[in-house]
Amino acid sequence: MAESVDQMLDQMRKAKEVGGDLVEVRVDFLKNFIPRQDLEILIKQSPLPTLVTFRGQTEPCMN
């Protein structure tokens, strides 16, 4: 989870460096989320297979 696409990409790269084999992208945490633009960037630049999640405001969060 991150507030910007750049922060998410940085975290994805770090996950790969430490041996991750999959990342989950929580786009509901992005500030100023632009779906088509942001998803294209995240999916194309992700170094790992990516699961995209968007949780609405009414869905409980298990943090």
N, C-alpha and C. Protein backbone atom coordinates (compact mmCIF):
# COMPACT_ATOMS: atom_id res chain seq x y z
N MET A 1 0.85 -1.18 0.00
CA MET A 1 0.00 0.00 0.00
C MET A 1 0.89 1.23 0.00
N ALA A 2 0.49 2.20 -0.80
CA ALA A 2 1.25 3.45 -0.88
C ALA A 2 0.31 4.54 -1.39
N GLU A 3 0.76 5.78 -1.26
CA GLU A 3 -0.07 6.90 -1.67
C GLU A 3 0.20 7.36 -3.09
N SER A 4 1.25 6.85 -3.74
CA SER A 4 1.55 7.23 -5.12
C SER A 4 1.97 6.01 -5.92
N VAL A 5 1.84 6.13 -7.23
CA VAL A 5 2.25 5.05 -8.13
C VAL A 5 3.75 4.81 -8.00
N ASP A 6 4.54 5.87 -7.92
CA ASP A 6 5.99 5.73 -7.78
C ASP A 6 6.36 4.97 -6.51
N GLN A 7 5.68 5.28 -5.41
CA GLN A 7 5.95 4.57 -4.15
C GLN A 7 5.58 3.10 -4.29
N MET A 8 4.47 2.81 -4.96
CA MET A 8 4.07 1.42 -5.16
C MET A 8 5.11 0.66 -5.99
N LEU A 9 5.57 1.29 -7.07
CA LEU A 9 6.58 0.63 -7.91
C LEU A 9 7.86 0.38 -7.13
N ASP A 10 8.25 1.32 -6.28
CA ASP A 10 9.43 1.14 -5.44
C ASP A 10 9.25 -0.05 -4.50
N GLN A 11 8.08 -0.14 -3.88
CA GLN A 11 7.80 -1.26 -2.98
C GLN A 11 7.76 -2.59 -3.73
N MET A 12 7.26 -2.58 -4.96
CA MET A 12 7.24 -3.81 -5.78
C MET A 12 8.67 -4.29 -6.06
N ARG A 13 9.54 -3.35 -6.42
CA ARG A 13 10.94 -3.71 -6.69
C ARG A 13 11.60 -4.28 -5.42
N LYS A 14 11.32 -3.66 -4.29
CA LYS A 14 11.88 -4.16 -3.03
C LYS A 14 11.35 -5.56 -2.72
N ALA A 15 10.07 -5.79 -2.99
CA ALA A 15 9.50 -7.12 -2.75
C ALA A 15 10.22 -8.18 -3.59
N LYS A 16 10.51 -7.83 -4.83
CA LYS A 16 11.24 -8.78 -5.70
C LYS A 16 12.65 -9.02 -5.17
N GLU A 17 13.31 -7.95 -4.73
CA GLU A 17 14.68 -8.07 -4.21
C GLU A 17 14.77 -9.01 -3.02
N VAL A 18 13.73 -9.04 -2.19
CA VAL A 18 13.77 -9.90 -1.00
C VAL A 18 13.15 -11.28 -1.25
N GLY A 19 12.85 -11.57 -2.53
CA GLY A 19 12.38 -12.91 -2.86
C GLY A 19 10.89 -13.07 -3.05
N GLY A 20 10.15 -11.97 -3.10
CA GLY A 20 8.71 -12.07 -3.32
C GLY A 20 8.41 -12.67 -4.68
N ASP A 21 7.29 -13.36 -4.77
CA ASP A 21 6.90 -13.95 -6.05
C ASP A 21 5.57 -13.39 -6.57
N LEU A 22 4.95 -12.48 -5.81
CA LEU A 22 3.66 -11.89 -6.18
C LEU A 22 3.49 -10.62 -5.36
N VAL A 23 2.85 -9.60 -5.94
CA VAL A 23 2.52 -8.39 -5.19
C VAL A 23 1.04 -8.11 -5.30
N GLU A 24 0.49 -7.53 -4.23
CA GLU A 24 -0.89 -7.06 -4.25
C GLU A 24 -0.84 -5.54 -4.24
N VAL A 25 -1.55 -4.94 -5.18
CA VAL A 25 -1.60 -3.49 -5.30
C VAL A 25 -2.95 -3.01 -4.78
N ARG A 26 -2.95 -2.24 -3.71
CA ARG A 26 -4.18 -1.69 -3.15
C ARG A 26 -4.39 -0.29 -3.71
N VAL A 27 -5.07 -0.20 -4.84
CA VAL A 27 -5.24 1.09 -5.51
C VAL A 27 -6.15 2.04 -4.73
N ASP A 28 -6.93 1.54 -3.79
CA ASP A 28 -7.78 2.42 -2.99
C ASP A 28 -6.96 3.31 -2.06
N PHE A 29 -5.69 3.02 -1.88
CA PHE A 29 -4.83 3.86 -1.04
C PHE A 29 -4.17 4.99 -1.82
N LEU A 30 -4.23 4.93 -3.16
CA LEU A 30 -3.60 5.96 -3.97
C LEU A 30 -4.30 7.30 -3.82
N LYS A 31 -3.53 8.35 -3.66
CA LYS A 31 -4.08 9.71 -3.68
C LYS A 31 -4.25 10.07 -5.15
N ASN A 32 -5.37 10.71 -5.50
CA ASN A 32 -5.61 11.15 -6.88
C ASN A 32 -5.53 10.00 -7.88
N PHE A 33 -6.18 8.90 -7.57
CA PHE A 33 -6.17 7.70 -8.42
C PHE A 33 -6.82 8.00 -9.78
N ILE A 34 -6.05 7.76 -10.85
CA ILE A 34 -6.54 7.89 -12.23
C ILE A 34 -6.51 6.48 -12.80
N PRO A 35 -7.64 5.75 -12.76
CA PRO A 35 -7.65 4.32 -13.05
C PRO A 35 -6.91 3.89 -14.32
N ARG A 36 -7.28 4.38 -15.47
CA ARG A 36 -6.64 3.91 -16.72
C ARG A 36 -5.14 4.18 -16.73
N GLN A 37 -4.76 5.35 -16.37
CA GLN A 37 -3.34 5.73 -16.38
C GLN A 37 -2.55 4.97 -15.33
N ASP A 38 -3.01 5.00 -14.09
CA ASP A 38 -2.26 4.39 -12.99
C ASP A 38 -2.18 2.87 -13.13
N LEU A 39 -3.28 2.23 -13.50
CA LEU A 39 -3.25 0.77 -13.66
C LEU A 39 -2.33 0.34 -14.78
N GLU A 40 -2.35 1.08 -15.88
CA GLU A 40 -1.45 0.74 -16.99
C GLU A 40 0.01 0.81 -16.55
N ILE A 41 0.37 1.85 -15.85
CA ILE A 41 1.74 2.00 -15.36
C ILE A 41 2.10 0.88 -14.39
N LEU A 42 1.24 0.64 -13.42
CA LEU A 42 1.53 -0.38 -12.40
C LEU A 42 1.66 -1.77 -13.00
N ILE A 43 0.77 -2.11 -13.90
CA ILE A 43 0.80 -3.45 -14.49
C ILE A 43 2.00 -3.62 -15.42
N LYS A 44 2.26 -2.63 -16.26
CA LYS A 44 3.37 -2.75 -17.22
C LYS A 44 4.74 -2.70 -16.54
N GLN A 45 4.85 -1.96 -15.46
CA GLN A 45 6.16 -1.79 -14.83
C GLN A 45 6.39 -2.70 -13.63
N SER A 46 5.40 -3.47 -13.25
CA SER A 46 5.56 -4.37 -12.10
C SER A 46 6.58 -5.46 -12.43
N PRO A 47 7.54 -5.68 -11.53
CA PRO A 47 8.54 -6.71 -11.77
C PRO A 47 8.05 -8.11 -11.40
N LEU A 48 6.84 -8.20 -10.85
CA LEU A 48 6.28 -9.48 -10.39
C LEU A 48 4.83 -9.59 -10.85
N PRO A 49 4.29 -10.81 -10.87
CA PRO A 49 2.85 -10.94 -11.10
C PRO A 49 2.10 -10.09 -10.07
N THR A 50 0.99 -9.48 -10.52
CA THR A 50 0.33 -8.46 -9.71
C THR A 50 -1.16 -8.74 -9.53
N LEU A 51 -1.60 -8.68 -8.30
CA LEU A 51 -3.01 -8.77 -7.94
C LEU A 51 -3.45 -7.35 -7.61
N VAL A 52 -4.50 -6.86 -8.29
CA VAL A 52 -4.98 -5.51 -8.06
C VAL A 52 -6.24 -5.57 -7.20
N THR A 53 -6.26 -4.80 -6.12
CA THR A 53 -7.40 -4.78 -5.20
C THR A 53 -7.88 -3.34 -5.01
N PHE A 54 -9.19 -3.18 -5.03
CA PHE A 54 -9.81 -1.89 -4.70
C PHE A 54 -10.91 -2.18 -3.68
N ARG A 55 -10.75 -1.67 -2.49
CA ARG A 55 -11.76 -1.85 -1.45
C ARG A 55 -12.52 -0.56 -1.27
N GLY A 56 -13.83 -0.64 -1.38
CA GLY A 56 -14.67 0.53 -1.22
C GLY A 56 -14.71 1.01 0.21
N GLN A 57 -15.24 2.19 0.42
CA GLN A 57 -15.29 2.77 1.77
C GLN A 57 -16.16 1.99 2.70
N THR A 58 -17.14 1.25 2.21
CA THR A 58 -18.04 0.51 3.09
C THR A 58 -17.51 -0.88 3.42
N GLU A 59 -16.45 -1.33 2.75
CA GLU A 59 -15.88 -2.65 3.01
C GLU A 59 -14.96 -2.58 4.21
N PRO A 60 -15.09 -3.50 5.15
CA PRO A 60 -14.20 -3.47 6.33
C PRO A 60 -12.75 -3.67 5.92
N CYS A 61 -11.86 -3.00 6.61
CA CYS A 61 -10.43 -3.11 6.36
C CYS A 61 -9.79 -3.91 7.48
N MET A 62 -8.99 -4.86 7.15
CA MET A 62 -8.37 -5.74 8.15
C MET A 62 -6.91 -5.36 8.39
N ASN A 63 -6.63 -4.09 8.66
CA ASN A 63 -5.24 -3.67 8.89
C ASN A 63 -4.82 -3.97 10.30
